[in-house]
Protein backbone atom coordinates (compact mmCIF):
# COMPACT_ATOMS: atom_id res chain seq x y z
CA UNK A 1 -5.94 22.20 -3.88
CA UNK A 2 -2.42 22.77 -5.12
CA UNK A 3 -1.41 21.99 -8.72
CA UNK A 4 2.25 21.87 -9.67
CA UNK A 5 4.08 20.91 -12.82
CA UNK A 6 6.77 18.28 -12.51
CA UNK A 7 9.43 20.99 -12.86
CA UNK A 8 7.83 23.01 -10.03
CA UNK A 9 7.44 19.88 -7.92
CA UNK A 10 11.12 19.04 -8.24
CA UNK A 11 12.02 22.49 -6.94
CA UNK A 12 9.47 22.51 -4.08
CA UNK A 13 8.96 18.84 -3.18
CA UNK A 14 9.48 19.32 0.56
CA UNK A 15 6.85 22.07 0.66
CA UNK A 16 4.39 19.99 -1.37
CA UNK A 17 4.82 16.98 0.91
CA UNK A 18 4.24 19.20 3.97
CA UNK A 19 1.06 20.54 2.35
CA UNK A 20 -0.20 17.02 1.61
CA UNK A 21 0.59 15.94 5.16
CA UNK A 22 -1.46 18.88 6.42
CA UNK A 23 -4.45 17.65 4.38
CA UNK A 24 -4.07 19.72 1.22
CA UNK A 25 -4.71 17.99 -2.11
CA UNK A 26 -1.51 18.16 -4.20
CA UNK A 27 -1.90 17.37 -7.90
CA UNK A 28 1.11 16.88 -10.16
CA UNK A 29 0.83 17.84 -13.80
CA UNK A 30 2.80 17.03 -16.92
CA UNK A 31 2.06 19.95 -19.18
CA UNK A 32 -1.69 20.43 -18.87
CA UNK A 33 -2.42 16.79 -17.92
CA UNK A 34 -3.01 15.69 -14.33
CA UNK A 35 -0.72 12.69 -13.84
CA UNK A 36 -0.35 12.03 -10.10
CA UNK A 37 -1.34 13.08 -6.64
CA UNK A 38 0.68 13.38 -3.44
CA UNK A 39 -1.20 12.01 -0.44
CA UNK A 40 -0.06 11.34 3.12
CA UNK A 41 0.24 7.76 4.37
CA UNK A 42 0.32 6.28 7.85
CA UNK A 43 1.98 3.20 9.31
CA UNK A 44 -1.34 1.38 8.82
CA UNK A 45 -1.21 2.14 5.09
CA UNK A 46 2.19 0.48 4.85
CA UNK A 47 0.78 -2.75 6.26
CA UNK A 48 -1.40 -3.10 3.15
CA UNK A 49 1.59 -3.42 0.85
CA UNK A 50 2.37 -7.06 1.67
CA UNK A 51 2.07 -9.49 -1.22
CA UNK A 52 -0.84 -11.88 -1.35
CA UNK A 53 -0.53 -15.55 -2.23
CA UNK A 54 -2.90 -16.82 -4.90
CA UNK A 55 -5.05 -18.49 -2.23
CA UNK A 56 -5.23 -15.31 -0.12
CA UNK A 57 -6.03 -13.21 -3.18
CA UNK A 58 -8.83 -15.61 -4.17
CA UNK A 59 -10.24 -15.44 -0.63
CA UNK A 60 -10.07 -11.64 -0.69
CA UNK A 61 -11.92 -11.43 -4.02
CA UNK A 62 -14.53 -13.88 -2.74
CA UNK A 63 -15.07 -11.69 0.34
CA UNK A 64 -15.37 -8.58 -1.84
CA UNK A 65 -17.91 -10.34 -4.08
CA UNK A 66 -19.91 -11.37 -0.99
CA UNK A 67 -19.87 -7.82 0.38
CA UNK A 68 -21.05 -6.45 -2.97
CA UNK A 69 -23.85 -9.04 -3.13
CA UNK A 70 -24.90 -8.16 0.44
CA UNK A 71 -24.64 -4.43 -0.36
CA UNK A 72 -22.09 -3.92 2.42
CA UNK A 73 -19.70 -1.91 0.25
CA UNK A 74 -19.21 1.83 -0.13
CA UNK A 75 -17.98 3.85 -3.09
CA UNK A 76 -16.39 7.29 -3.18
CA UNK A 77 -15.69 9.66 -6.03
CA UNK A 78 -12.21 10.59 -4.79
CA UNK A 79 -9.53 9.61 -2.27
CA UNK A 80 -10.37 12.79 -0.36
CA UNK A 81 -13.99 11.65 0.12
CA UNK A 82 -12.81 8.21 1.24
CA UNK A 83 -10.49 9.71 3.85
CA UNK A 84 -13.29 11.94 5.18
């Protein structure tokens, strides 16, 4: 895991992005507080960014509620665990 302050990140952003792309966890800090993480994304991840209509959002939440009720959901402690 790599931790960098915002000042350090500004100076070494390309290197930090390369590290994240290679699978390294990159945490950004403001002072001593963890404020963000740099993670790689794929083309598939970009497909998720489309906006949902109210009807589609309601259907999605209904599906999520059904999966929770049927115990078909999974939970992870971190994005790293979810990717693994």
